[in-house]
C-alpha atoms as a PDB file:
ATOM      1  CA  MET A   1     -43.324  72.524  30.393  1.00  0.00           C
ATOM      2  CA  ALA A   2     -41.521  69.208  30.933  1.00  0.00           C
ATOM      3  CA  ARG A   3     -39.740  67.466  28.052  1.00  0.00           C
ATOM      4  CA  GLN A   4     -42.577  65.130  27.220  1.00  0.00           C
ATOM      5  CA  ARG A   5     -44.650  64.943  24.085  1.00  0.00           C
ATOM      6  CA  ARG A   6     -47.632  67.249  23.933  1.00  0.00           C
ATOM      7  CA  ALA A   7     -50.209  68.412  21.460  1.00  0.00           C
ATOM      8  CA  TRP A   8     -50.962  72.055  20.732  1.00  0.00           C
ATOM      9  CA  ASP A   9     -54.716  72.661  20.765  1.00  0.00           C
ATOM     10  CA  ARG A  10     -55.132  75.035  17.834  1.00  0.00           C
ATOM     11  CA  ARG A  11     -58.874  75.226  17.296  1.00  0.00           C
ATOM     12  CA  GLY A  12     -59.743  78.106  15.015  1.00  0.00           C
ATOM     13  CA  GLY A  13     -57.880  80.097  12.424  1.00  0.00           C
ATOM     14  CA  LYS A  14     -55.517  79.156   9.635  1.00  0.00           C
ATOM     15  CA  GLY A  15     -51.734  79.304   9.646  1.00  0.00           C
ATOM     16  CA  VAL A  16     -48.392  77.707  10.480  1.00  0.00           C
ATOM     17  CA  ALA A  17     -46.720  77.113  13.873  1.00  0.00           C
ATOM     18  CA  TRP A  18     -43.129  76.582  15.072  1.00  0.00           C
ATOM     19  CA  ILE A  19     -41.763  75.801  18.520  1.00  0.00           C
ATOM     20  CA  ASN A  20     -38.078  76.500  19.209  1.00  0.00           C
ATOM     21  CA  GLY A  21     -37.482  76.673  15.437  1.00  0.00           C
ATOM     22  CA  PHE A  22     -39.147  73.287  14.783  1.00  0.00           C
ATOM     23  CA  ASN A  23     -42.035  73.442  12.293  1.00  0.00           C
ATOM     24  CA  LEU A  24     -45.117  71.897  13.927  1.00  0.00           C
ATOM     25  CA  GLY A  25     -47.069  72.176  10.688  1.00  0.00           C
ATOM     26  CA  ARG A  26     -49.998  73.926   9.079  1.00  0.00           C
ATOM     27  CA  TYR A  27     -53.427  74.168  10.650  1.00  0.00           C
ATOM     28  CA  TRP A  28     -56.864  75.162   9.495  1.00  0.00           C
ATOM     29  CA  THR A  29     -60.279  75.337  11.134  1.00  0.00           C
ATOM     30  CA  ARG A  30     -61.629  72.857   8.584  1.00  0.00           C
ATOM     31  CA  GLY A  31     -59.420  70.175  10.154  1.00  0.00           C
ATOM     32  CA  PRO A  32     -59.889  67.299  10.478  1.00  0.00           C
ATOM     33  CA  GLN A  33     -57.386  67.374  13.364  1.00  0.00           C
ATOM     34  CA  HIS A  34     -57.773  69.836  16.215  1.00  0.00           C
ATOM     35  CA  THR A  35     -54.225  69.568  17.585  1.00  0.00           C
ATOM     36  CA  LEU A  36     -50.656  69.623  16.286  1.00  0.00           C
ATOM     37  CA  TYR A  37     -48.133  67.141  17.702  1.00  0.00           C
ATOM     38  CA  VAL A  38     -45.235  68.624  19.708  1.00  0.00           C
ATOM     39  CA  PRO A  39     -42.346  66.129  20.100  1.00  0.00           C
ATOM     40  CA  GLY A  40     -40.758  66.164  23.531  1.00  0.00           C
ATOM     41  CA  SER A  41     -37.287  66.373  21.954  1.00  0.00           C
ATOM     42  CA  VAL A  42     -37.917  69.940  20.699  1.00  0.00           C
ATOM     43  CA  LEU A  43     -38.929  71.236  24.146  1.00  0.00           C
ATOM     44  CA  VAL A  44     -36.287  72.723  26.420  1.00  0.00           C
ATOM     45  CA  PRO A  45     -36.390  73.127  30.214  1.00  0.00           C
ATOM     46  CA  GLY A  46     -37.755  76.527  31.189  1.00  0.00           C
ATOM     47  CA  ARG A  47     -39.173  78.804  28.488  1.00  0.00           C
ATOM     48  CA  ASN A  48     -39.983  77.615  24.979  1.00  0.00           C
ATOM     49  CA  GLU A  49     -40.620  79.936  22.033  1.00  0.00           C
ATOM     50  CA  LEU A  50     -43.847  79.368  20.093  1.00  0.00           C
ATOM     51  CA  VAL A  51     -44.142  81.315  16.820  1.00  0.00           C
ATOM     52  CA  ILE A  52     -47.544  81.384  15.133  1.00  0.00           C
ATOM     53  CA  LEU A  53     -48.193  82.794  11.674  1.00  0.00           C
ATOM     54  CA  GLU A  54     -51.975  83.289  11.864  1.00  0.00           C
ATOM     55  CA  LEU A  55     -53.638  84.231   8.581  1.00  0.00           C
ATOM     56  CA  HIS A  56     -57.206  84.802   9.778  1.00  0.00           C
ATOM     57  CA  ALA A  57     -57.993  85.501  13.432  1.00  0.00           C
ATOM     58  CA  ALA A  58     -55.390  85.375  16.182  1.00  0.00           C
ATOM     59  CA  GLY A  59     -56.321  84.391  19.706  1.00  0.00           C
ATOM     60  CA  ARG A  60     -54.461  85.441  22.826  1.00  0.00           C
ATOM     61  CA  ARG A  61     -54.303  82.056  24.544  1.00  0.00           C
ATOM     62  CA  VAL A  62     -52.253  78.976  23.762  1.00  0.00           C
ATOM     63  CA  ARG A  63     -53.203  75.604  25.207  1.00  0.00           C
ATOM     64  CA  PHE A  64     -51.192  72.394  25.262  1.00  0.00           C
ATOM     65  CA  VAL A  65     -52.901  69.078  25.954  1.00  0.00           C
ATOM     66  CA  PRO A  66     -51.395  65.665  26.794  1.00  0.00           C
ATOM     67  CA  GLN A  67     -53.202  63.745  24.014  1.00  0.00           C
ATOM     68  CA  PRO A  68     -53.763  64.638  20.352  1.00  0.00           C
ATOM     69  CA  ASP A  69     -57.285  65.145  19.002  1.00  0.00           C
ATOM     70  CA  LEU A  70     -57.341  63.921  15.413  1.00  0.00           C
ATOM     71  CA  GLY A  71     -61.011  64.760  14.883  1.00  0.00           C
ATOM     72  CA  HIS A  72     -63.160  62.710  12.557  1.00  0.00           C
ATOM     73  CA  THR A  73     -60.922  60.134  10.845  1.00  0.00           C
ATOM     74  CA  ASP A  74     -63.489  57.621   9.470  1.00  0.00           C
ATOM     75  CA  PHE A  75     -64.089  58.089   5.774  1.00  0.00           C
END
């Protein structure tokens, strides 16, 4: 993964995520956002370590997308 900003697509579950020791934040199925922002400055060339503390149902796949999906933001 190149050192450019990304978003971690974390649809489903409830928990907390870190990448290379940097806290990406909490997530929950109820949203509203569907992605967590990953700053390019925390990514290193080669392998990056993603740690997920999943409290409900863990999936086996991780997907990074180029743009964040903030979900429904009109209130």
